[in-house]
């Protein structure tokens, strides 16, 4: 049973998160499988072996999968545990649990992307491009992922408010007494 109806804007935000993550994953896959995207590592075209290709493919799939978990903040499965789960199946997801997991994820994303972009823009990382067009493509693919954390924070706050504690008539009576 839902606490309150999900506002339309939160549905939109939940859809935006995986869409913001997708371009960076596609860029990584293009790099891993040798598509000409103008990237250079220490002045040469990167030579990526099968192990690294597998790693990059898994990283891209994992990133997108984690981004899709944001739907749990707007769908019933984010409010009630699946019945097949041992011990907790069918019980309500505690509001503190969902907001703690989502908030921790948002904080981790802020740290990750802050580190990644500071490292990228310091110029000592060996990454360059064959021209400004490919540099712009890289930025166009990676800048949207920086929206992941603030969008997740907005969804988390909305979830927390929507799932807020319901006051019973006896609780209201004790507050007014």
C-alpha atoms as a PDB file:
ATOM      1  CA  UNK A   1       0.000   0.000   0.000  1.00  0.00           C
ATOM      2  CA  UNK A   2       1.381   3.360  -1.011  1.00  0.00           C
ATOM      3  CA  UNK A   3       1.966   6.090   1.531  1.00  0.00           C
ATOM      4  CA  UNK A   4       0.838   8.858  -0.829  1.00  0.00           C
ATOM      5  CA  UNK A   5       0.616   9.233  -4.591  1.00  0.00           C
ATOM      6  CA  UNK A   6       3.925   9.779  -6.359  1.00  0.00           C
ATOM      7  CA  UNK A   7       4.211  13.321  -7.757  1.00  0.00           C
ATOM      8  CA  UNK A   8       4.615  13.469 -11.544  1.00  0.00           C
ATOM      9  CA  UNK A   9       7.936  15.340 -11.302  1.00  0.00           C
ATOM     10  CA  UNK A  10       9.487  12.478  -9.333  1.00  0.00           C
ATOM     11  CA  UNK A  11       8.474  10.024 -12.071  1.00  0.00           C
ATOM     12  CA  UNK A  12      10.223  12.262 -14.596  1.00  0.00           C
ATOM     13  CA  UNK A  13      13.350  12.550 -12.437  1.00  0.00           C
ATOM     14  CA  UNK A  14      13.458   8.767 -11.957  1.00  0.00           C
ATOM     15  CA  UNK A  15      13.493   8.407 -15.754  1.00  0.00           C
ATOM     16  CA  UNK A  16      16.133  11.122 -16.179  1.00  0.00           C
ATOM     17  CA  UNK A  17      18.693   9.405 -13.949  1.00  0.00           C
ATOM     18  CA  UNK A  18      19.341   6.334 -16.162  1.00  0.00           C
ATOM     19  CA  UNK A  19      19.235   8.596 -19.225  1.00  0.00           C
ATOM     20  CA  UNK A  20      21.909  10.848 -17.677  1.00  0.00           C
ATOM     21  CA  UNK A  21      24.130   7.829 -16.979  1.00  0.00           C
ATOM     22  CA  UNK A  22      23.701   6.183 -20.390  1.00  0.00           C
ATOM     23  CA  UNK A  23      25.963   8.437 -22.548  1.00  0.00           C
ATOM     24  CA  UNK A  24      29.030   7.864 -20.358  1.00  0.00           C
ATOM     25  CA  UNK A  25      28.517   4.096 -20.521  1.00  0.00           C
ATOM     26  CA  UNK A  26      28.161   4.211 -24.283  1.00  0.00           C
ATOM     27  CA  UNK A  27      31.339   6.305 -24.565  1.00  0.00           C
ATOM     28  CA  UNK A  28      33.251   3.790 -22.432  1.00  0.00           C
ATOM     29  CA  UNK A  29      31.963   0.896 -24.548  1.00  0.00           C
ATOM     30  CA  UNK A  30      32.982   2.703 -27.750  1.00  0.00           C
ATOM     31  CA  UNK A  31      36.462   3.209 -26.302  1.00  0.00           C
ATOM     32  CA  UNK A  32      36.715  -0.395 -25.100  1.00  0.00           C
ATOM     33  CA  UNK A  33      35.756  -1.910 -28.416  1.00  0.00           C
ATOM     34  CA  UNK A  34      37.984   0.275 -30.571  1.00  0.00           C
ATOM     35  CA  UNK A  35      35.510   2.650 -32.178  1.00  0.00           C
ATOM     36  CA  UNK A  36      37.254   5.787 -33.450  1.00  0.00           C
ATOM     37  CA  UNK A  37      36.289   8.347 -30.798  1.00  0.00           C
ATOM     38  CA  UNK A  38      39.472  10.396 -30.894  1.00  0.00           C
ATOM     39  CA  UNK A  39      40.713   9.430 -27.439  1.00  0.00           C
ATOM     40  CA  UNK A  40      44.428   9.235 -26.773  1.00  0.00           C
ATOM     41  CA  UNK A  41      46.241   7.820 -23.773  1.00  0.00           C
ATOM     42  CA  UNK A  42      49.640   9.435 -23.342  1.00  0.00           C
ATOM     43  CA  UNK A  43      49.544  10.486 -26.996  1.00  0.00           C
ATOM     44  CA  UNK A  44      48.658   7.115 -28.529  1.00  0.00           C
ATOM     45  CA  UNK A  45      45.441   5.305 -29.380  1.00  0.00           C
ATOM     46  CA  UNK A  46      44.549   3.150 -26.356  1.00  0.00           C
ATOM     47  CA  UNK A  47      45.150  -0.573 -26.831  1.00  0.00           C
ATOM     48  CA  UNK A  48      42.524  -2.317 -24.736  1.00  0.00           C
ATOM     49  CA  UNK A  49      42.685  -6.055 -24.211  1.00  0.00           C
ATOM     50  CA  UNK A  50      39.838  -8.512 -23.629  1.00  0.00           C
ATOM     51  CA  UNK A  51      40.114  -8.371 -19.835  1.00  0.00           C
ATOM     52  CA  UNK A  52      39.804  -4.596 -19.818  1.00  0.00           C
ATOM     53  CA  UNK A  53      36.974  -4.792 -22.349  1.00  0.00           C
ATOM     54  CA  UNK A  54      35.115  -7.130 -20.013  1.00  0.00           C
ATOM     55  CA  UNK A  55      35.800  -4.810 -17.060  1.00  0.00           C
ATOM     56  CA  UNK A  56      34.572  -1.733 -18.971  1.00  0.00           C
ATOM     57  CA  UNK A  57      31.485  -3.598 -20.195  1.00  0.00           C
ATOM     58  CA  UNK A  58      30.658  -4.741 -16.663  1.00  0.00           C
ATOM     59  CA  UNK A  59      31.296  -1.252 -15.259  1.00  0.00           C
ATOM     60  CA  UNK A  60      28.918   0.266 -17.813  1.00  0.00           C
ATOM     61  CA  UNK A  61      26.219  -2.342 -17.082  1.00  0.00           C
ATOM     62  CA  UNK A  62      26.667  -1.925 -13.331  1.00  0.00           C
ATOM     63  CA  UNK A  63      26.432   1.866 -13.561  1.00  0.00           C
ATOM     64  CA  UNK A  64      23.222   1.684 -15.565  1.00  0.00           C
ATOM     65  CA  UNK A  65      21.769  -0.978 -13.260  1.00  0.00           C
ATOM     66  CA  UNK A  66      22.459   1.111 -10.161  1.00  0.00           C
ATOM     67  CA  UNK A  67      20.942   4.161 -11.883  1.00  0.00           C
ATOM     68  CA  UNK A  68      17.794   2.127 -12.572  1.00  0.00           C
ATOM     69  CA  UNK A  69      17.459   1.485  -8.827  1.00  0.00           C
ATOM     70  CA  UNK A  70      16.294   5.091  -8.492  1.00  0.00           C
ATOM     71  CA  UNK A  71      12.902   3.795  -9.667  1.00  0.00           C
ATOM     72  CA  UNK A  72      12.600   2.214  -6.213  1.00  0.00           C
ATOM     73  CA  UNK A  73      11.965   5.710  -4.862  1.00  0.00           C
ATOM     74  CA  UNK A  74       8.836   6.064  -7.017  1.00  0.00           C
ATOM     75  CA  UNK A  75       7.591   2.466  -7.416  1.00  0.00           C
ATOM     76  CA  UNK A  76       5.782   0.139  -4.992  1.00  0.00           C
ATOM     77  CA  UNK A  77       8.807  -2.183  -4.784  1.00  0.00           C
ATOM     78  CA  UNK A  78      10.595   0.692  -3.026  1.00  0.00           C
ATOM     79  CA  UNK A  79       7.928   0.707  -0.337  1.00  0.00           C
ATOM     80  CA  UNK A  80       7.319  -3.009   0.290  1.00  0.00           C
ATOM     81  CA  UNK A  81       9.970  -5.735   0.141  1.00  0.00           C
ATOM     82  CA  UNK A  82       9.358  -8.457  -2.459  1.00  0.00           C
ATOM     83  CA  UNK A  83       7.541 -11.420  -0.932  1.00  0.00           C
ATOM     84  CA  UNK A  84      10.249 -13.904  -1.940  1.00  0.00           C
ATOM     85  CA  UNK A  85      12.901 -12.168   0.201  1.00  0.00           C
ATOM     86  CA  UNK A  86      13.660 -14.158   3.368  1.00  0.00           C
ATOM     87  CA  UNK A  87      12.740 -12.566   6.706  1.00  0.00           C
ATOM     88  CA  UNK A  88      11.555  -9.223   5.285  1.00  0.00           C
ATOM     89  CA  UNK A  89       9.389 -10.336   2.335  1.00  0.00           C
ATOM     90  CA  UNK A  90       6.045  -8.518   2.244  1.00  0.00           C
ATOM     91  CA  UNK A  91       7.005  -6.033   4.950  1.00  0.00           C
ATOM     92  CA  UNK A  92       7.182  -2.297   4.451  1.00  0.00           C
ATOM     93  CA  UNK A  93      10.601  -0.930   3.527  1.00  0.00           C
ATOM     94  CA  UNK A  94      11.582   1.282   6.469  1.00  0.00           C
ATOM     95  CA  UNK A  95      11.758   4.901   5.361  1.00  0.00           C
ATOM     96  CA  UNK A  96      15.091   5.363   7.150  1.00  0.00           C
ATOM     97  CA  UNK A  97      16.571   2.378   5.283  1.00  0.00           C
ATOM     98  CA  UNK A  98      15.625   3.571   1.799  1.00  0.00           C
ATOM     99  CA  UNK A  99      16.658   7.160   2.450  1.00  0.00           C
ATOM    100  CA  UNK A 100      19.949   6.110   4.061  1.00  0.00           C
ATOM    101  CA  UNK A 101      20.863   3.876   1.124  1.00  0.00           C
ATOM    102  CA  UNK A 102      19.878   6.509  -1.439  1.00  0.00           C
ATOM    103  CA  UNK A 103      21.548   9.333   0.496  1.00  0.00           C
ATOM    104  CA  UNK A 104      24.759   7.332   0.886  1.00  0.00           C
ATOM    105  CA  UNK A 105      24.678   6.602  -2.830  1.00  0.00           C
ATOM    106  CA  UNK A 106      24.258  10.292  -3.629  1.00  0.00           C
ATOM    107  CA  UNK A 107      27.151  11.216  -1.333  1.00  0.00           C
ATOM    108  CA  UNK A 108      29.342   8.550  -2.943  1.00  0.00           C
ATOM    109  CA  UNK A 109      28.460   9.910  -6.390  1.00  0.00           C
ATOM    110  CA  UNK A 110      29.426  13.439  -5.351  1.00  0.00           C
ATOM    111  CA  UNK A 111      32.783  12.154  -4.122  1.00  0.00           C
ATOM    112  CA  UNK A 112      33.367   9.970  -7.171  1.00  0.00           C
ATOM    113  CA  UNK A 113      32.549  12.605  -9.777  1.00  0.00           C
ATOM    114  CA  UNK A 114      34.322  15.370  -7.904  1.00  0.00           C
ATOM    115  CA  UNK A 115      37.475  13.246  -7.818  1.00  0.00           C
ATOM    116  CA  UNK A 116      37.072  12.172 -11.462  1.00  0.00           C
ATOM    117  CA  UNK A 117      36.626  15.679 -12.806  1.00  0.00           C
ATOM    118  CA  UNK A 118      39.339  17.232 -10.657  1.00  0.00           C
ATOM    119  CA  UNK A 119      41.672  14.461 -11.821  1.00  0.00           C
ATOM    120  CA  UNK A 120      40.613  14.975 -15.444  1.00  0.00           C
ATOM    121  CA  UNK A 121      40.931  18.754 -15.468  1.00  0.00           C
ATOM    122  CA  UNK A 122      44.283  18.886 -13.663  1.00  0.00           C
ATOM    123  CA  UNK A 123      45.849  17.899 -16.994  1.00  0.00           C
ATOM    124  CA  UNK A 124      48.272  15.316 -15.584  1.00  0.00           C
ATOM    125  CA  UNK A 125      46.246  12.217 -16.393  1.00  0.00           C
ATOM    126  CA  UNK A 126      47.553  11.374 -19.867  1.00  0.00           C
ATOM    127  CA  UNK A 127      44.140  11.707 -21.511  1.00  0.00           C
ATOM    128  CA  UNK A 128      43.918  13.806 -24.664  1.00  0.00           C
ATOM    129  CA  UNK A 129      41.945  13.894 -27.887  1.00  0.00           C
ATOM    130  CA  UNK A 130      42.790  14.083 -31.586  1.00  0.00           C
ATOM    131  CA  UNK A 131      40.806  17.300 -31.880  1.00  0.00           C
ATOM    132  CA  UNK A 132      38.344  19.640 -30.187  1.00  0.00           C
ATOM    133  CA  UNK A 133      35.353  17.822 -31.681  1.00  0.00           C
ATOM    134  CA  UNK A 134      36.235  14.570 -29.883  1.00  0.00           C
ATOM    135  CA  UNK A 135      36.926  16.445 -26.676  1.00  0.00           C
ATOM    136  CA  UNK A 136      33.457  18.008 -26.945  1.00  0.00           C
ATOM    137  CA  UNK A 137      31.938  14.544 -27.563  1.00  0.00           C
ATOM    138  CA  UNK A 138      33.665  13.237 -24.435  1.00  0.00           C
ATOM    139  CA  UNK A 139      32.359  16.133 -22.338  1.00  0.00           C
ATOM    140  CA  UNK A 140      28.861  15.790 -23.820  1.00  0.00           C
ATOM    141  CA  UNK A 141      28.876  12.137 -22.769  1.00  0.00           C
ATOM    142  CA  UNK A 142      30.290  12.641 -19.282  1.00  0.00           C
ATOM    143  CA  UNK A 143      28.794  15.915 -18.071  1.00  0.00           C
ATOM    144  CA  UNK A 144      25.215  14.514 -17.855  1.00  0.00           C
ATOM    145  CA  UNK A 145      26.353  11.888 -15.335  1.00  0.00           C
ATOM    146  CA  UNK A 146      27.157  14.711 -12.907  1.00  0.00           C
ATOM    147  CA  UNK A 147      23.382  15.263 -12.635  1.00  0.00           C
ATOM    148  CA  UNK A 148      22.969  11.816 -11.098  1.00  0.00           C
ATOM    149  CA  UNK A 149      23.734  12.906  -7.523  1.00  0.00           C
ATOM    150  CA  UNK A 150      21.524  16.039  -7.365  1.00  0.00           C
ATOM    151  CA  UNK A 151      18.649  14.216  -9.084  1.00  0.00           C
ATOM    152  CA  UNK A 152      19.003  11.337  -6.622  1.00  0.00           C
ATOM    153  CA  UNK A 153      19.008  13.777  -3.698  1.00  0.00           C
ATOM    154  CA  UNK A 154      15.780  15.353  -4.999  1.00  0.00           C
ATOM    155  CA  UNK A 155      14.154  11.919  -5.309  1.00  0.00           C
ATOM    156  CA  UNK A 156      15.367  10.883  -1.863  1.00  0.00           C
ATOM    157  CA  UNK A 157      13.953  13.990  -0.202  1.00  0.00           C
ATOM    158  CA  UNK A 158      10.638  13.534  -2.043  1.00  0.00           C
ATOM    159  CA  UNK A 159      10.504   9.858  -0.998  1.00  0.00           C
ATOM    160  CA  UNK A 160      11.264  10.778   2.615  1.00  0.00           C
ATOM    161  CA  UNK A 161       8.498  13.400   2.674  1.00  0.00           C
ATOM    162  CA  UNK A 162       5.988  11.228   0.858  1.00  0.00           C
ATOM    163  CA  UNK A 163       6.602   8.278   3.163  1.00  0.00           C
ATOM    164  CA  UNK A 164       6.509  10.523   6.250  1.00  0.00           C
ATOM    165  CA  UNK A 165       5.151   9.288   9.503  1.00  0.00           C
ATOM    166  CA  UNK A 166       1.371   9.237   9.562  1.00  0.00           C
ATOM    167  CA  UNK A 167      -0.069  10.693  12.723  1.00  0.00           C
ATOM    168  CA  UNK A 168      -2.781   8.711  14.388  1.00  0.00           C
ATOM    169  CA  UNK A 169      -5.609  10.382  16.239  1.00  0.00           C
ATOM    170  CA  UNK A 170      -4.092   9.254  19.579  1.00  0.00           C
ATOM    171  CA  UNK A 171      -0.712  10.752  18.606  1.00  0.00           C
ATOM    172  CA  UNK A 172      -2.412  14.013  17.690  1.00  0.00           C
ATOM    173  CA  UNK A 173      -4.287  13.972  20.988  1.00  0.00           C
ATOM    174  CA  UNK A 174      -1.058  13.496  22.969  1.00  0.00           C
ATOM    175  CA  UNK A 175       0.598  16.355  21.071  1.00  0.00           C
ATOM    176  CA  UNK A 176      -2.264  18.757  21.824  1.00  0.00           C
ATOM    177  CA  UNK A 177      -2.652  17.670  25.448  1.00  0.00           C
END
